N, C-alpha and C. Protein backbone atom coordinates (compact mmCIF):
# COMPACT_ATOMS: atom_id res chain seq x y z
N MET A 1 6.57 -145.56 192.52
CA MET A 1 7.83 -146.24 192.75
C MET A 1 8.81 -145.35 193.50
N PHE A 2 8.79 -144.07 193.19
CA PHE A 2 9.69 -143.13 193.87
C PHE A 2 9.44 -143.12 195.38
N TRP A 3 8.15 -143.14 195.76
CA TRP A 3 7.83 -143.05 197.18
C TRP A 3 8.18 -144.33 197.92
N LYS A 4 8.15 -145.47 197.23
CA LYS A 4 8.56 -146.72 197.86
C LYS A 4 10.07 -146.72 198.12
N ILE A 5 10.82 -146.19 197.18
CA ILE A 5 12.27 -146.09 197.37
C ILE A 5 12.58 -145.10 198.50
N ALA A 6 11.87 -143.97 198.52
CA ALA A 6 12.08 -142.99 199.58
C ALA A 6 11.71 -143.57 200.94
N PHE A 7 10.64 -144.38 200.98
CA PHE A 7 10.25 -145.01 202.24
C PHE A 7 11.33 -145.98 202.72
N GLY A 8 11.88 -146.77 201.80
CA GLY A 8 12.97 -147.68 202.15
C GLY A 8 14.20 -146.95 202.65
N LEU A 9 14.54 -145.84 202.00
CA LEU A 9 15.68 -145.04 202.45
C LEU A 9 15.42 -144.41 203.81
N GLY A 10 14.18 -144.01 204.05
CA GLY A 10 13.82 -143.45 205.36
C GLY A 10 13.98 -144.48 206.47
N ILE A 11 13.53 -145.71 206.22
CA ILE A 11 13.68 -146.77 207.22
C ILE A 11 15.16 -147.09 207.42
N LEU A 12 15.92 -147.15 206.34
CA LEU A 12 17.36 -147.39 206.45
C LEU A 12 18.05 -146.28 207.24
N GLY A 13 17.63 -145.03 207.02
CA GLY A 13 18.20 -143.91 207.76
C GLY A 13 17.85 -143.96 209.24
N ILE A 14 16.64 -144.42 209.56
CA ILE A 14 16.26 -144.56 210.97
C ILE A 14 17.15 -145.59 211.65
N ILE A 15 17.38 -146.71 210.98
CA ILE A 15 18.25 -147.75 211.54
C ILE A 15 19.67 -147.22 211.70
N LEU A 16 20.18 -146.52 210.68
CA LEU A 16 21.52 -145.95 210.76
C LEU A 16 21.62 -144.92 211.88
N GLY A 17 20.60 -144.08 212.03
CA GLY A 17 20.61 -143.07 213.09
C GLY A 17 20.64 -143.70 214.47
N ILE A 18 19.86 -144.77 214.66
CA ILE A 18 19.86 -145.46 215.95
C ILE A 18 21.22 -146.09 216.24
N ILE A 19 21.82 -146.70 215.21
CA ILE A 19 23.15 -147.30 215.39
C ILE A 19 24.17 -146.23 215.75
N LEU A 20 24.14 -145.08 215.06
CA LEU A 20 25.07 -144.00 215.38
C LEU A 20 24.87 -143.49 216.80
N LEU A 21 23.62 -143.36 217.22
CA LEU A 21 23.36 -142.90 218.58
C LEU A 21 23.90 -143.88 219.61
N ILE A 22 23.76 -145.16 219.35
CA ILE A 22 24.27 -146.16 220.30
C ILE A 22 25.79 -146.13 220.35
N VAL A 23 26.43 -146.13 219.18
CA VAL A 23 27.90 -146.19 219.14
C VAL A 23 28.51 -144.93 219.75
N PHE A 24 28.05 -143.74 219.31
CA PHE A 24 28.66 -142.52 219.81
C PHE A 24 28.20 -142.21 221.23
N GLY A 25 27.03 -142.70 221.62
CA GLY A 25 26.60 -142.53 223.02
C GLY A 25 27.50 -143.31 223.96
N LYS A 26 27.83 -144.55 223.58
CA LYS A 26 28.75 -145.33 224.40
C LYS A 26 30.14 -144.69 224.42
N MET A 27 30.54 -144.13 223.28
CA MET A 27 31.85 -143.48 223.21
C MET A 27 31.86 -142.21 224.06
N PHE A 28 30.75 -141.47 224.04
CA PHE A 28 30.68 -140.21 224.78
C PHE A 28 30.67 -140.45 226.29
N TYR A 29 29.92 -141.45 226.72
CA TYR A 29 29.81 -141.71 228.16
C TYR A 29 30.81 -142.73 228.66
N GLY A 30 31.70 -143.19 227.79
CA GLY A 30 32.72 -144.14 228.21
C GLY A 30 33.79 -143.46 229.04
N ALA A 31 34.47 -144.23 229.86
CA ALA A 31 35.50 -143.67 230.74
C ALA A 31 36.87 -143.80 230.10
N GLY A 32 37.76 -142.88 230.45
CA GLY A 32 39.14 -142.97 230.03
C GLY A 32 39.44 -142.43 228.65
N PHE A 33 38.59 -141.59 228.10
CA PHE A 33 38.84 -141.02 226.79
C PHE A 33 39.45 -139.64 226.92
N GLN A 34 40.17 -139.25 225.89
CA GLN A 34 40.76 -137.92 225.85
C GLN A 34 39.72 -136.92 225.38
N SER A 35 40.06 -135.64 225.41
CA SER A 35 39.09 -134.63 225.03
C SER A 35 38.79 -134.67 223.54
N ASN A 36 39.76 -135.11 222.71
CA ASN A 36 39.49 -135.23 221.28
C ASN A 36 38.40 -136.26 221.02
N ASP A 37 38.44 -137.37 221.75
CA ASP A 37 37.43 -138.40 221.59
C ASP A 37 36.07 -137.90 222.04
N GLU A 38 36.06 -137.08 223.07
CA GLU A 38 34.81 -136.52 223.57
C GLU A 38 34.16 -135.60 222.53
N ASP A 39 34.99 -134.79 221.88
CA ASP A 39 34.47 -133.90 220.83
C ASP A 39 33.94 -134.70 219.64
N LEU A 40 34.66 -135.72 219.24
CA LEU A 40 34.23 -136.57 218.15
C LEU A 40 32.92 -137.27 218.49
N ALA A 41 32.81 -137.76 219.71
CA ALA A 41 31.59 -138.44 220.13
C ALA A 41 30.41 -137.49 220.17
N PHE A 42 30.62 -136.28 220.63
CA PHE A 42 29.54 -135.29 220.68
C PHE A 42 29.07 -134.94 219.27
N GLY A 43 30.02 -134.75 218.35
CA GLY A 43 29.67 -134.48 216.96
C GLY A 43 28.94 -135.65 216.34
N GLY A 44 29.34 -136.86 216.66
CA GLY A 44 28.65 -138.06 216.15
C GLY A 44 27.24 -138.16 216.70
N LEU A 45 27.06 -137.79 217.97
CA LEU A 45 25.72 -137.79 218.54
C LEU A 45 24.82 -136.79 217.82
N LEU A 46 25.34 -135.61 217.54
CA LEU A 46 24.54 -134.60 216.84
C LEU A 46 24.18 -135.07 215.43
N ILE A 47 25.14 -135.65 214.73
CA ILE A 47 24.87 -136.15 213.38
C ILE A 47 23.85 -137.28 213.43
N GLY A 48 23.96 -138.16 214.41
CA GLY A 48 23.01 -139.25 214.55
C GLY A 48 21.59 -138.75 214.82
N ILE A 49 21.47 -137.71 215.64
CA ILE A 49 20.15 -137.14 215.93
C ILE A 49 19.57 -136.49 214.69
N ILE A 50 20.39 -135.75 213.94
CA ILE A 50 19.92 -135.09 212.72
C ILE A 50 19.47 -136.13 211.68
N ILE A 51 20.27 -137.18 211.50
CA ILE A 51 19.90 -138.24 210.55
C ILE A 51 18.61 -138.91 210.98
N LEU A 52 18.46 -139.15 212.28
CA LEU A 52 17.26 -139.80 212.78
C LEU A 52 16.02 -138.94 212.54
N ILE A 53 16.11 -137.64 212.77
CA ILE A 53 14.97 -136.75 212.58
C ILE A 53 14.58 -136.68 211.10
N PHE A 54 15.55 -136.43 210.22
CA PHE A 54 15.23 -136.33 208.80
C PHE A 54 14.73 -137.66 208.23
N SER A 55 15.29 -138.76 208.68
CA SER A 55 14.84 -140.06 208.19
C SER A 55 13.43 -140.37 208.65
N PHE A 56 13.10 -139.99 209.89
CA PHE A 56 11.74 -140.20 210.37
C PHE A 56 10.75 -139.38 209.55
N LEU A 57 11.10 -138.13 209.28
CA LEU A 57 10.21 -137.30 208.47
C LEU A 57 10.06 -137.86 207.05
N LEU A 58 11.16 -138.30 206.46
CA LEU A 58 11.10 -138.89 205.12
C LEU A 58 10.24 -140.15 205.11
N ALA A 59 10.41 -141.01 206.10
CA ALA A 59 9.62 -142.23 206.16
C ALA A 59 8.14 -141.93 206.39
N ALA A 60 7.84 -140.93 207.20
CA ALA A 60 6.44 -140.59 207.46
C ALA A 60 5.76 -140.04 206.21
N VAL A 61 6.40 -139.09 205.55
CA VAL A 61 5.81 -138.49 204.36
C VAL A 61 5.68 -139.51 203.23
N SER A 62 6.74 -140.27 202.98
CA SER A 62 6.67 -141.25 201.90
C SER A 62 5.72 -142.38 202.25
N GLY A 63 5.60 -142.73 203.52
CA GLY A 63 4.63 -143.75 203.92
C GLY A 63 3.20 -143.31 203.64
N ILE A 64 2.91 -142.04 203.86
CA ILE A 64 1.58 -141.51 203.55
C ILE A 64 1.30 -141.64 202.06
N PHE A 65 2.27 -141.28 201.22
CA PHE A 65 2.06 -141.35 199.78
C PHE A 65 1.97 -142.80 199.29
N VAL A 66 2.73 -143.71 199.89
CA VAL A 66 2.65 -145.12 199.50
C VAL A 66 1.27 -145.67 199.85
N LEU A 67 0.79 -145.37 201.04
CA LEU A 67 -0.54 -145.85 201.44
C LEU A 67 -1.63 -145.25 200.58
N ARG A 68 -1.49 -143.99 200.26
CA ARG A 68 -2.48 -143.30 199.42
C ARG A 68 -2.53 -143.92 198.01
N ASN A 69 -1.35 -144.20 197.47
CA ASN A 69 -1.28 -144.80 196.13
C ASN A 69 -1.83 -146.23 196.14
N SER A 70 -1.52 -147.00 197.17
CA SER A 70 -2.03 -148.37 197.21
C SER A 70 -3.54 -148.39 197.42
N LYS A 71 -4.09 -147.39 198.12
CA LYS A 71 -5.53 -147.30 198.27
C LYS A 71 -6.20 -146.99 196.93
N LYS A 72 -5.58 -146.11 196.15
CA LYS A 72 -6.12 -145.81 194.82
C LYS A 72 -6.11 -147.05 193.95
N GLU A 73 -5.04 -147.83 193.98
CA GLU A 73 -4.96 -149.05 193.19
C GLU A 73 -5.99 -150.06 193.65
N TRP A 74 -6.21 -150.20 194.94
CA TRP A 74 -7.18 -151.14 195.47
C TRP A 74 -8.60 -150.72 195.09
N ASP A 75 -8.86 -149.43 195.15
CA ASP A 75 -10.19 -148.93 194.75
C ASP A 75 -10.44 -149.14 193.26
N ALA A 76 -9.40 -149.03 192.43
CA ALA A 76 -9.56 -149.25 191.00
C ALA A 76 -9.83 -150.72 190.68
N LYS A 77 -9.24 -151.63 191.44
CA LYS A 77 -9.44 -153.07 191.21
C LYS A 77 -10.76 -153.55 191.77
N ASN A 78 -11.27 -152.91 192.81
CA ASN A 78 -12.49 -153.35 193.49
C ASN A 78 -13.54 -152.24 193.47
N PRO A 79 -14.22 -152.06 192.35
CA PRO A 79 -15.25 -151.00 192.32
C PRO A 79 -16.45 -151.39 193.18
N LYS A 80 -17.14 -150.40 193.67
CA LYS A 80 -18.28 -150.67 194.55
C LYS A 80 -19.52 -150.98 193.78
């Protein structure tokens, strides 16, 4: 159950990271902003990239454990 929750959080983090990259990317490359907005947008881009990387790793690792556990359950229900 823990790995299923971690997998869900990993997928949610990937979605959040992509949204942050889109929002702060548009803010960073938008015209007519002051330098404070540029710094905020750059920091948001870095945070979005970090969240995306960690969420992808979390989803990959927890996905492996979820698949491994479901295979064990399937093998227990269907003996050869």
